[in-house]
Protein backbone atom coordinates (compact mmCIF):
# COMPACT_ATOMS: atom_id res chain seq x y z
CA UNK A 1 0.00 0.00 0.00
CA UNK A 2 1.60 3.25 -1.17
CA UNK A 3 0.17 5.28 1.72
CA UNK A 4 1.95 3.05 4.23
CA UNK A 5 5.31 3.25 2.45
CA UNK A 6 7.57 6.20 3.11
CA UNK A 7 9.24 8.03 0.24
CA UNK A 8 12.62 9.50 1.18
CA UNK A 9 14.90 10.92 -1.54
CA UNK A 10 13.41 8.63 -4.20
CA UNK A 11 13.61 5.42 -2.12
CA UNK A 12 10.52 3.48 -1.13
CA UNK A 13 10.77 1.40 2.05
CA UNK A 14 8.52 -1.62 1.90
CA UNK A 15 7.40 -4.10 4.50
CA UNK A 16 6.01 -7.13 2.67
CA UNK A 17 6.34 -10.78 3.58
CA UNK A 18 5.23 -13.93 1.74
CA UNK A 19 5.28 -17.19 3.64
CA UNK A 20 3.53 -20.54 3.42
CA UNK A 21 3.05 -23.38 5.84
CA UNK A 22 0.61 -25.44 7.87
CA UNK A 23 -1.39 -24.16 10.82
CA UNK A 24 -0.11 -25.67 14.07
CA UNK A 25 -3.48 -25.21 15.81
CA UNK A 26 -6.93 -23.81 15.05
CA UNK A 27 -7.20 -20.04 14.71
CA UNK A 28 -8.10 -18.30 17.98
CA UNK A 29 -10.74 -15.58 17.65
CA UNK A 30 -11.17 -12.56 19.94
CA UNK A 31 -13.77 -9.82 19.76
CA UNK A 32 -12.19 -6.48 20.72
CA UNK A 33 -15.51 -4.66 20.54
CA UNK A 34 -14.29 -2.79 17.46
CA UNK A 35 -13.51 -5.80 15.28
CA UNK A 36 -12.73 -9.50 15.33
CA UNK A 37 -9.09 -10.53 15.62
CA UNK A 38 -7.85 -13.96 14.57
CA UNK A 39 -4.50 -15.28 15.79
CA UNK A 40 -2.84 -18.35 14.34
CA UNK A 41 0.63 -19.80 13.89
CA UNK A 42 1.99 -21.54 10.83
CA UNK A 43 4.94 -23.92 10.60
CA UNK A 44 7.17 -23.03 7.64
CA UNK A 45 9.78 -25.61 6.66
CA UNK A 46 13.00 -24.46 5.00
CA UNK A 47 15.97 -26.47 3.76
CA UNK A 48 16.28 -30.19 3.04
CA UNK A 49 17.31 -33.35 4.85
CA UNK A 50 19.37 -32.84 7.98
CA UNK A 51 19.61 -29.13 7.18
CA UNK A 52 15.82 -28.68 7.32
CA UNK A 53 14.45 -26.43 10.02
CA UNK A 54 10.99 -25.18 10.90
CA UNK A 55 10.10 -21.55 11.48
CA UNK A 56 6.98 -20.84 13.50
CA UNK A 57 5.30 -17.67 12.23
CA UNK A 58 2.66 -15.90 14.35
CA UNK A 59 -0.05 -14.35 12.20
CA UNK A 60 -2.84 -11.87 12.93
CA UNK A 61 -5.97 -11.44 10.81
CA UNK A 62 -8.49 -8.62 11.32
CA UNK A 63 -12.12 -7.84 10.51
CA UNK A 64 -14.84 -9.69 8.64
CA UNK A 65 -12.37 -12.18 7.17
CA UNK A 66 -11.91 -13.70 10.62
CA UNK A 67 -15.55 -14.78 10.85
CA UNK A 68 -15.64 -16.11 7.29
CA UNK A 69 -12.39 -18.07 7.62
CA UNK A 70 -12.61 -19.43 11.17
CA UNK A 71 -14.07 -22.79 10.07
CA UNK A 72 -11.31 -23.26 7.47
CA UNK A 73 -8.23 -22.12 9.38
CA UNK A 74 -7.76 -25.25 11.44
CA UNK A 75 -4.76 -27.30 12.50
CA UNK A 76 -3.01 -28.82 9.47
CA UNK A 77 -4.51 -26.45 6.88
CA UNK A 78 -1.87 -25.31 4.36
CA UNK A 79 -1.90 -21.57 3.63
CA UNK A 80 0.04 -18.92 1.74
CA UNK A 81 -0.03 -15.53 3.40
CA UNK A 82 1.06 -12.08 2.35
CA UNK A 83 1.45 -9.54 5.08
CA UNK A 84 3.38 -6.95 6.96
CA UNK A 85 6.07 -7.88 9.48
CA UNK A 86 5.59 -6.32 12.94
CA UNK A 87 7.91 -6.48 15.94
CA UNK A 88 6.09 -5.62 19.15
CA UNK A 89 7.62 -4.79 22.51
CA UNK A 90 6.11 -5.52 25.92
CA UNK A 91 7.34 -5.77 29.50
CA UNK A 92 7.20 -8.59 32.03
CA UNK A 93 8.55 -7.83 35.51
CA UNK A 94 10.35 -4.72 34.19
CA UNK A 95 12.07 -6.81 31.52
CA UNK A 96 11.60 -5.83 27.88
CA UNK A 97 10.49 -8.63 25.59
CA UNK A 98 9.79 -8.74 21.89
CA UNK A 99 7.46 -10.73 19.71
CA UNK A 100 7.33 -10.96 15.93
CA UNK A 101 4.02 -11.18 14.06
CA UNK A 102 2.72 -10.95 10.53
CA UNK A 103 -0.34 -8.77 9.99
CA UNK A 104 -2.12 -10.67 7.20
CA UNK A 105 -3.12 -8.63 4.15
CA UNK A 106 -4.10 -11.57 1.95
CA UNK A 107 -4.44 -15.28 2.54
CA UNK A 108 -4.77 -18.22 0.16
CA UNK A 109 -5.76 -21.64 1.40
CA UNK A 110 -3.58 -24.08 -0.53
CA UNK A 111 -5.01 -27.26 0.94
CA UNK A 112 -8.04 -27.64 3.18
CA UNK A 113 -7.41 -29.98 6.09
CA UNK A 114 -10.91 -31.48 5.78
CA UNK A 115 -10.41 -32.28 2.08
CA UNK A 116 -7.05 -33.91 2.78
CA UNK A 117 -8.55 -36.10 5.54
CA UNK A 118 -11.45 -37.20 3.32
CA UNK A 119 -9.05 -37.98 0.47
CA UNK A 120 -6.81 -40.09 2.73
CA UNK A 121 -9.80 -41.99 4.16
CA UNK A 122 -11.13 -42.63 0.66
CA UNK A 123 -7.75 -44.06 -0.41
CA UNK A 124 -7.87 -46.47 2.53
CA UNK A 125 -11.34 -47.62 1.53
CA UNK A 126 -13.19 -45.84 4.33
CA UNK A 127 -15.95 -43.47 3.20
CA UNK A 128 -17.80 -40.90 5.24
């Protein structure tokens, strides 16, 4: 979004992140009174073999999309998200702590968990 970017001497600073992965648990929904907020974490695997590691990415979704996506954003669902990286600071017992989140701008469900389960059960000869 151009309004959010800052233009200084012909340079545009952007904050855009693309990441995919599987939800590690169902999306948690909170009603702030102003809007709905959905929090979820995805596991993003990078590398191969013994060099593979998993990054856990905390994501935040706002507004009407939360209500419409809550039944789909469940543990195991594979998603691709585009968003803005945010580093937030808070204090616990006078000690500064930081947390990293992605504020989701767009989300694409790559594989529905329910569809995958049905497909696997069908392959095994069990039908719902």
